Amino acid sequence: MLAFSRLTTVSPAFVFAAHGSAFKTTRLSAFTTLTPSAQWNPCDGSGCQPRLTRQGSVPTGVQRQTPSSRVAPPNFVTAQRGYATRLAEVGKLEPLKLDGNYDTGQMFLHRLFGYRGVILFPWLAKVYDRDLPNSKKDNSVKDVQSQEEIISNPSGTGKEVKGKTHTYYQVLIDGRDCPFITHRAQTESVTFLGNHTENTRNLYAIPGLDYVAHEDIIPYSTEDRSPIQHELFDKFLSYREGDDPPFGALDTLKAWQEKNHPWLELSDVHKETTEDIRVTVIPFYMGYRETQANNVYWWRYCIRLENLGEKAVQLRERNWRIFSLSGTLETVRGRGVVGQEPLLSKDQPAFQYSSHVSLQAPSGHMWGTFRMEREDGHAFDCRIPPFSLESKQDDPNEPPILGN
């Protein structure tokens, strides 16, 4: 199965630096890429350990290995390249962390998308899950704190949702795996604004940067001193023999995190499920730009759709309602999302993408629906949880929020 992935924002290339080191970003320009499908399946055989494999340039999930098979030792994650059947050792799976956070430098596989990555640093976010009953304490969500916040539904239904603290991670994606996931998860989804002197519609992306929830981390260890192929890996992390994990943060990573904290910060996560289709929304404030008439405030938002059921379903249409504090209410309708109509199946249950919205006011709200269709022709509207678009107060002694 082949799929197309498309991004359509046009802007010039850009290079930014931290502590004298140049970090390249790429422009978001109109292009189309052809990528094969991919999947990650847990092993269901007795004595068989999970392995990530690729065959014919397409990840094929787990292979059952007999005792006589000449492959990597048990409990090793493996990757299969090209059209050959040879398995290349990647690393050794580690136990999941049920208590506490993963450390900077931890290697992992993504639970849904299967890519290899490394953790840079954690974020503590408030998760507003509209599926959870507010009268009961949910212990299934990690890192639930006693302090809770309540937000109201901006679409007018009056339902209140309690926010619970949860850990997410900023990660780097292994560039070797990007071609296998671009039709299911954008690898240039973390974007920022250019300088104030530039066009207000110029957006820039850092390739291979992602946000991953704690429960989506499958940790592994490796003896490879260059286990991740990403331009920023050696600039942010260094090998430290004897440490666990053996890769520690350089001062460059700490400086980069501090400098770009305003537009990187993950603070709120919103979730809602309709007919086994779970929609997760994470909004990010990017800053504002001055125009001759007024200020334009920008946000990006990351959306993940996950099929929790057995029956395949396809996204056909989107329907957004965007309310601005200036008093305007806009309706946006269209076919699919980011040029695709993703199919959510049992084998490939998730799709993740990012988009942007700008308002001529410092705050607003968004909500809406996705029109979904099952294989038998049954169509239904999947709710997009309402979420706030809030700007951050700029410190008058500091420069405005920038992405460089």
Protein backbone atom coordinates (compact mmCIF):
# COMPACT_ATOMS: atom_id res chain seq x y z
CA MET A 1 0.00 0.00 0.00
CA LEU A 2 1.33 3.40 -0.95
CA ALA A 3 0.17 6.77 0.39
CA PHE A 4 0.90 10.41 -0.31
CA SER A 5 1.86 13.03 2.27
CA ARG A 6 1.63 16.72 1.48
CA LEU A 7 2.58 20.02 3.11
CA THR A 8 1.61 23.26 1.46
CA THR A 9 2.99 26.21 3.43
CA VAL A 10 5.59 28.18 1.45
CA SER A 11 8.43 30.07 3.12
CA PRO A 12 12.18 30.66 2.67
CA ALA A 13 14.90 28.52 4.22
CA PHE A 14 16.29 29.54 7.61
CA VAL A 15 19.28 28.76 9.83
CA PHE A 16 19.43 29.53 13.54
CA ALA A 17 22.28 29.18 16.03
CA ALA A 18 22.71 28.56 19.74
CA HIS A 19 26.09 29.03 21.44
CA GLY A 20 27.83 29.28 18.11
CA SER A 21 26.52 26.00 16.68
CA ALA A 22 24.41 26.19 13.53
CA PHE A 23 21.20 24.18 13.56
CA LYS A 24 19.53 23.81 10.20
CA THR A 25 15.80 24.01 9.76
CA THR A 26 13.84 23.39 6.61
CA ARG A 27 11.25 25.49 4.91
CA LEU A 28 7.71 24.21 4.68
CA SER A 29 7.18 24.29 0.92
CA ALA A 30 4.69 22.76 -1.44
CA PHE A 31 5.77 19.22 -2.17
CA THR A 32 4.49 15.68 -2.42
CA THR A 33 6.32 12.59 -1.21
CA LEU A 34 5.65 8.95 -1.96
CA THR A 35 6.17 6.68 1.03
CA PRO A 36 5.44 3.01 1.79
CA SER A 37 3.14 1.93 4.58
CA ALA A 38 4.37 0.85 8.00
CA GLN A 39 3.12 -0.91 11.08
CA TRP A 40 4.18 -2.09 14.54
CA ASN A 41 2.73 -5.29 15.99
CA PRO A 42 3.48 -6.87 19.39
CA CYS A 43 4.69 -10.44 19.36
CA ASP A 44 2.02 -13.02 20.20
CA GLY A 45 4.17 -16.15 20.12
CA SER A 46 5.48 -18.09 23.10
CA GLY A 47 9.13 -17.30 23.70
CA CYS A 48 9.19 -14.68 20.96
CA GLN A 49 10.35 -11.16 21.82
CA PRO A 50 9.11 -8.04 19.98
CA ARG A 51 11.19 -7.10 16.97
CA LEU A 52 10.85 -4.14 14.65
CA THR A 53 11.56 -5.43 11.17
CA ARG A 54 11.48 -4.10 7.64
CA GLN A 55 11.04 -6.20 4.54
CA GLY A 56 10.89 -4.86 1.00
CA SER A 57 11.32 -1.33 2.39
CA VAL A 58 8.07 -1.77 4.33
CA PRO A 59 8.01 -2.49 8.09
CA THR A 60 6.28 -5.83 8.48
CA GLY A 61 5.89 -6.01 12.25
CA VAL A 62 7.01 -9.05 14.21
CA GLN A 63 8.55 -12.20 12.87
CA ARG A 64 8.23 -15.46 14.78
CA GLN A 65 11.69 -16.95 15.24
CA THR A 66 12.39 -20.61 15.94
CA PRO A 67 15.30 -21.64 18.22
CA SER A 68 17.35 -22.51 15.15
CA SER A 69 16.88 -19.11 13.50
CA ARG A 70 20.16 -17.26 13.05
CA VAL A 71 19.07 -13.83 14.22
CA ALA A 72 19.79 -11.49 17.09
CA PRO A 73 19.59 -12.98 20.62
CA PRO A 74 16.18 -13.00 22.36
CA ASN A 75 14.90 -9.72 23.77
CA PHE A 76 16.68 -7.71 21.10
CA VAL A 77 14.96 -5.12 18.90
CA THR A 78 15.96 -5.65 15.29
CA ALA A 79 15.54 -3.79 12.01
CA GLN A 80 15.46 -5.31 8.56
CA ARG A 81 16.70 -3.16 5.68
CA GLY A 82 16.10 -3.14 1.95
CA TYR A 83 14.75 -6.21 0.20
CA ALA A 84 17.02 -8.72 1.89
CA THR A 85 15.99 -10.91 4.82
CA ARG A 86 18.99 -10.09 7.00
CA LEU A 87 18.14 -8.65 10.42
CA ALA A 88 20.33 -5.90 11.85
CA GLU A 89 20.58 -5.56 15.61
CA VAL A 90 19.26 -2.30 17.04
CA GLY A 91 19.23 -2.80 20.81
CA LYS A 92 17.77 -4.57 23.82
CA LEU A 93 14.25 -3.89 25.06
CA GLU A 94 13.94 -2.54 28.61
CA PRO A 95 11.03 -2.73 31.08
CA LEU A 96 8.38 -0.04 30.82
CA LYS A 97 8.49 2.60 33.55
CA LEU A 98 5.25 2.55 35.50
CA ASP A 99 6.56 5.02 38.11
CA GLY A 100 8.73 8.02 37.43
CA ASN A 101 9.91 9.55 34.18
CA TYR A 102 12.33 8.41 31.51
CA ASP A 103 15.65 10.23 31.50
CA THR A 104 17.27 12.42 28.89
CA GLY A 105 19.10 10.20 26.41
CA GLN A 106 16.70 7.25 26.68
CA MET A 107 16.34 5.36 23.40
CA PHE A 108 12.82 4.21 22.53
CA LEU A 109 10.41 2.88 19.94
CA HIS A 110 7.12 4.71 19.43
CA ARG A 111 4.23 2.47 20.49
CA LEU A 112 1.98 3.44 17.57
CA PHE A 113 4.27 4.66 14.79
CA GLY A 114 7.20 2.32 15.42
CA TYR A 115 9.98 4.83 14.80
CA ARG A 116 13.22 4.91 16.77
CA GLY A 117 13.88 8.02 18.83
CA VAL A 118 15.68 9.54 21.78
CA ILE A 119 14.24 11.58 24.66
CA LEU A 120 15.52 15.13 25.05
CA PHE A 121 13.51 16.40 28.04
CA PRO A 122 10.06 16.06 29.63
CA TRP A 123 7.04 18.37 29.68
CA LEU A 124 4.31 18.35 32.35
CA ALA A 125 0.96 18.99 30.68
CA LYS A 126 -2.63 19.26 31.86
CA VAL A 127 -4.71 16.58 30.13
CA TYR A 128 -8.42 17.36 29.75
CA ASP A 129 -10.06 14.03 28.95
CA ARG A 130 -13.77 14.39 28.18
CA ASP A 131 -14.23 10.61 28.36
CA LEU A 132 -13.39 10.36 32.05
CA PRO A 133 -16.21 10.76 34.63
CA ASN A 134 -15.36 13.72 36.81
CA SER A 135 -16.79 12.07 39.94
CA LYS A 136 -14.22 9.25 39.87
CA LYS A 137 -10.47 9.39 40.28
CA ASP A 138 -8.72 7.75 37.35
CA ASN A 139 -5.52 5.96 38.34
CA SER A 140 -4.75 4.70 34.83
CA VAL A 141 -3.22 8.02 33.80
CA LYS A 142 0.37 8.36 34.89
CA ASP A 143 1.58 11.23 37.05
CA VAL A 144 -1.88 12.31 38.25
CA GLN A 145 -1.46 15.07 40.80
CA SER A 146 -3.84 16.06 43.59
CA GLN A 147 -4.18 19.55 42.14
CA GLU A 148 -6.89 19.70 39.47
CA GLU A 149 -8.15 22.45 37.25
CA ILE A 150 -11.56 22.84 35.68
CA ILE A 151 -12.25 24.31 32.28
CA SER A 152 -15.60 24.92 30.65
CA ASN A 153 -16.69 23.75 27.22
CA PRO A 154 -16.43 26.79 24.94
CA SER A 155 -18.90 25.30 22.45
CA GLY A 156 -21.71 25.95 24.92
CA THR A 157 -22.67 22.46 26.13
CA GLY A 158 -21.82 23.41 29.69
CA LYS A 159 -19.81 20.26 30.44
CA GLU A 160 -16.86 20.80 32.76
CA VAL A 161 -13.65 18.82 32.39
CA LYS A 162 -11.00 18.30 35.04
CA GLY A 163 -7.38 18.54 33.99
CA LYS A 164 -4.84 16.04 35.30
CA THR A 165 -1.07 16.38 35.08
CA HIS A 166 0.65 13.99 32.69
CA THR A 167 4.19 13.58 31.31
CA TYR A 168 5.07 14.11 27.67
CA TYR A 169 8.55 14.13 26.12
CA GLN A 170 10.35 16.20 23.53
CA VAL A 171 12.11 13.69 21.27
CA LEU A 172 14.23 13.35 18.15
CA ILE A 173 13.12 10.91 15.44
CA ASP A 174 15.69 8.70 13.72
CA GLY A 175 15.95 10.01 10.17
CA ARG A 176 16.21 6.47 8.78
CA ASP A 177 12.64 5.81 9.91
CA CYS A 178 11.04 9.00 8.62
CA PRO A 179 10.25 7.63 5.12
CA PHE A 180 8.20 4.85 6.71
CA ILE A 181 5.95 7.09 8.81
CA THR A 182 5.36 10.29 6.83
CA HIS A 183 1.99 9.04 5.58
CA ARG A 184 0.85 8.50 9.20
CA ALA A 185 2.73 11.14 11.20
CA GLN A 186 4.25 14.38 9.93
CA THR A 187 7.97 14.59 10.63
CA GLU A 188 8.04 18.39 10.15
CA SER A 189 5.18 19.21 12.52
CA VAL A 190 7.08 21.38 15.03
CA THR A 191 7.02 24.87 13.52
CA PHE A 192 7.80 28.43 14.59
CA LEU A 193 7.57 31.98 13.30
CA GLY A 194 10.40 33.87 11.68
CA ASN A 195 11.70 37.28 12.70
CA HIS A 196 9.33 40.20 13.21
CA THR A 197 10.71 41.83 10.08
CA GLU A 198 9.54 38.94 7.90
CA ASN A 199 6.20 38.21 6.31
CA THR A 200 3.69 37.23 9.00
CA ARG A 201 2.82 34.03 7.11
CA ASN A 202 6.37 32.65 7.05
CA LEU A 203 6.61 29.45 9.10
CA TYR A 204 9.67 27.28 9.71
CA ALA A 205 9.98 23.64 10.71
CA ILE A 206 12.56 21.58 12.60
CA PRO A 207 12.54 18.15 10.94
CA GLY A 208 12.40 15.05 13.12
CA LEU A 209 11.17 16.74 16.31
CA ASP A 210 8.12 15.28 18.08
CA TYR A 211 6.12 15.16 21.33
CA VAL A 212 5.44 11.70 22.78
CA ALA A 213 3.24 10.70 25.74
CA HIS A 214 4.79 8.56 28.47
CA GLU A 215 2.62 5.55 27.62
CA ASP A 216 3.79 5.63 23.97
CA ILE A 217 7.44 5.07 24.93
CA ILE A 218 8.88 1.55 24.47
CA PRO A 219 12.40 1.89 25.94
CA TYR A 220 15.45 0.03 24.71
CA SER A 221 19.20 0.17 25.27
CA THR A 222 22.01 -0.05 22.74
CA GLU A 223 25.79 -0.24 22.63
CA ASP A 224 25.88 1.89 19.49
CA ARG A 225 27.49 5.26 20.19
CA SER A 226 25.57 6.84 17.30
CA PRO A 227 22.20 5.08 17.59
CA ILE A 228 20.07 7.90 16.14
CA GLN A 229 20.63 9.57 12.79
CA HIS A 230 19.58 13.17 13.31
CA GLU A 231 21.48 16.38 12.72
CA LEU A 232 20.91 17.55 16.29
CA PHE A 233 21.80 14.30 18.08
CA ASP A 234 25.54 15.01 18.50
CA LYS A 235 24.87 18.69 19.17
CA PHE A 236 22.47 17.95 22.04
CA LEU A 237 23.77 14.67 23.54
CA SER A 238 27.13 13.08 24.30
CA TYR A 239 28.14 9.51 25.11
CA ARG A 240 29.04 8.94 28.78
CA GLU A 241 30.36 5.48 29.46
CA GLY A 242 28.96 3.89 32.59
CA ASP A 243 25.88 6.12 32.79
CA ASP A 244 22.34 4.80 32.37
CA PRO A 245 21.22 5.86 29.84
CA PRO A 246 24.73 6.41 28.41
CA PHE A 247 23.81 9.64 26.61
CA GLY A 248 23.67 12.86 28.61
CA ALA A 249 22.59 16.39 27.80
CA LEU A 250 25.16 18.90 26.60
CA ASP A 251 24.98 22.56 27.60
CA THR A 252 23.81 23.24 24.05
CA LEU A 253 20.58 21.31 24.66
CA LYS A 254 19.88 23.15 27.90
CA ALA A 255 20.51 26.53 26.26
CA TRP A 256 18.33 25.62 23.27
CA GLN A 257 15.48 24.47 25.53
CA GLU A 258 15.63 27.65 27.60
CA LYS A 259 15.84 29.97 24.61
CA ASN A 260 12.98 28.36 22.67
CA HIS A 261 10.83 27.39 25.63
CA PRO A 262 7.95 29.80 24.79
CA TRP A 263 7.05 28.19 21.45
CA LEU A 264 8.16 24.64 22.35
CA GLU A 265 6.21 24.40 25.61
CA LEU A 266 3.48 21.78 25.80
CA SER A 267 0.97 22.80 28.46
CA ASP A 268 -2.55 21.54 27.57
CA VAL A 269 -3.81 18.30 25.99
CA HIS A 270 -7.48 17.69 25.08
CA LYS A 271 -9.04 14.27 24.38
CA GLU A 272 -12.46 12.94 23.36
CA THR A 273 -13.73 9.65 21.88
CA THR A 274 -16.65 9.11 19.50
CA GLU A 275 -17.59 5.58 18.37
CA ASP A 276 -14.12 4.24 19.24
CA ILE A 277 -12.30 7.07 17.43
CA ARG A 278 -10.17 8.98 19.91
CA VAL A 279 -9.13 12.52 19.01
CA THR A 280 -6.26 14.21 20.87
CA VAL A 281 -5.49 17.91 20.38
CA ILE A 282 -2.40 19.77 21.64
CA PRO A 283 -2.34 23.55 21.00
CA PHE A 284 0.86 25.66 21.06
CA TYR A 285 1.15 29.43 21.16
CA MET A 286 3.74 30.61 18.62
CA GLY A 287 3.75 34.38 19.18
CA TYR A 288 2.38 37.42 17.37
CA ARG A 289 3.35 39.65 14.50
CA GLU A 290 2.55 43.32 14.03
CA THR A 291 0.75 44.50 10.91
CA GLN A 292 -0.25 47.97 9.79
CA ALA A 293 -3.80 47.44 11.04
CA ASN A 294 -3.36 45.25 14.15
CA ASN A 295 -1.51 42.35 15.72
CA VAL A 296 -1.85 38.82 14.35
CA TYR A 297 -1.56 36.01 16.93
CA TRP A 298 -0.45 32.54 15.83
CA TRP A 299 -0.97 29.03 17.19
CA ARG A 300 -0.12 25.59 15.89
CA TYR A 301 -2.10 22.55 16.95
CA CYS A 302 -1.21 18.88 16.74
CA ILE A 303 -4.04 16.37 16.23
CA ARG A 304 -3.92 12.60 16.57
CA LEU A 305 -6.76 10.30 15.57
CA GLU A 306 -6.64 6.75 16.92
CA ASN A 307 -9.00 3.89 16.12
CA LEU A 308 -9.62 1.98 19.36
CA GLY A 309 -12.05 -0.47 17.73
CA GLU A 310 -11.82 -3.42 15.37
CA LYS A 311 -13.51 -1.92 12.30
CA ALA A 312 -11.60 0.27 9.86
CA VAL A 313 -12.77 3.84 9.38
CA GLN A 314 -11.72 6.63 7.00
CA LEU A 315 -11.68 10.39 7.59
CA ARG A 316 -13.64 12.13 4.82
CA GLU A 317 -14.28 15.73 5.91
CA ARG A 318 -13.35 18.27 8.56
CA ASN A 319 -15.66 20.89 10.07
CA TRP A 320 -14.11 23.56 12.31
CA ARG A 321 -15.62 26.38 14.36
CA ILE A 322 -13.14 29.10 15.34
CA PHE A 323 -14.15 31.78 17.83
CA SER A 324 -12.02 34.88 18.37
CA LEU A 325 -12.10 37.18 21.38
CA SER A 326 -12.64 39.99 18.87
CA GLY A 327 -16.18 38.61 18.47
CA THR A 328 -15.87 36.72 15.19
CA LEU A 329 -17.03 33.13 14.67
CA GLU A 330 -15.64 31.38 11.60
CA THR A 331 -16.65 28.04 10.07
CA VAL A 332 -14.10 26.06 8.05
CA ARG A 333 -15.10 22.96 6.07
CA GLY A 334 -13.16 20.81 3.65
CA ARG A 335 -12.22 17.37 2.38
CA GLY A 336 -9.82 15.39 4.52
CA VAL A 337 -6.91 16.92 6.44
CA VAL A 338 -3.52 18.16 5.13
CA GLY A 339 -4.39 16.81 1.69
CA GLN A 340 -5.19 13.28 2.90
CA GLU A 341 -8.18 11.15 3.82
CA PRO A 342 -6.42 8.78 6.23
CA LEU A 343 -7.67 5.24 6.78
CA LEU A 344 -7.54 4.07 10.40
CA SER A 345 -7.38 0.27 10.47
CA LYS A 346 -6.52 -2.38 13.04
CA ASP A 347 -3.00 -2.66 11.60
CA GLN A 348 -2.47 1.11 11.26
CA PRO A 349 -4.82 2.63 13.84
CA ALA A 350 -3.39 6.15 14.16
CA PHE A 351 -2.82 9.29 12.11
CA GLN A 352 -1.14 12.46 13.39
CA TYR A 353 -0.78 15.88 11.78
CA SER A 354 -0.26 19.54 12.64
CA SER A 355 -1.82 22.74 11.34
CA HIS A 356 -1.97 26.44 12.20
CA VAL A 357 -4.48 29.15 13.02
CA SER A 358 -4.12 32.92 13.36
CA LEU A 359 -6.44 35.40 15.08
CA GLN A 360 -6.57 39.15 15.31
CA ALA A 361 -7.12 38.80 19.05
CA PRO A 362 -4.93 37.38 21.86
CA SER A 363 -7.28 34.49 22.61
CA GLY A 364 -10.07 32.35 21.25
CA HIS A 365 -11.49 28.83 21.06
CA MET A 366 -11.70 26.03 18.49
CA TRP A 367 -13.89 22.94 18.25
CA GLY A 368 -15.49 20.87 15.53
CA THR A 369 -16.02 17.42 14.00
CA PHE A 370 -14.44 14.98 11.57
CA ARG A 371 -16.79 13.17 9.21
CA MET A 372 -15.82 9.49 9.37
CA GLU A 373 -16.96 6.60 7.16
CA ARG A 374 -16.74 2.86 7.83
CA GLU A 375 -16.27 0.15 5.22
CA ASP A 376 -19.99 -0.69 5.26
CA GLY A 377 -20.84 2.92 4.36
CA HIS A 378 -21.90 3.98 7.88
CA ALA A 379 -20.91 7.63 8.39
CA PHE A 380 -20.77 9.58 11.64
CA ASP A 381 -19.36 12.81 13.07
CA CYS A 382 -16.38 12.37 15.37
CA ARG A 383 -16.12 15.21 17.88
CA ILE A 384 -12.98 17.32 18.11
CA PRO A 385 -12.66 18.35 21.79
CA PRO A 386 -12.97 22.12 22.32
CA PHE A 387 -9.72 23.81 23.27
CA SER A 388 -8.56 27.30 24.14
CA LEU A 389 -6.20 29.46 22.12
CA GLU A 390 -4.39 31.54 24.72
CA SER A 391 -1.50 33.93 24.16
CA LYS A 392 1.30 34.34 26.65
CA GLN A 393 2.11 37.63 28.27
CA ASP A 394 5.38 38.86 26.82
CA ASP A 395 7.92 40.22 29.29
CA PRO A 396 8.44 43.89 28.31
CA ASN A 397 12.14 43.49 29.14
CA GLU A 398 12.51 40.50 26.81
CA PRO A 399 12.25 40.33 23.01
CA PRO A 400 8.99 39.04 21.57
CA ILE A 401 8.52 35.29 21.20
CA LEU A 402 10.59 34.14 18.24
CA GLY A 403 11.44 30.77 16.79
CA ASN A 404 15.14 31.37 16.30
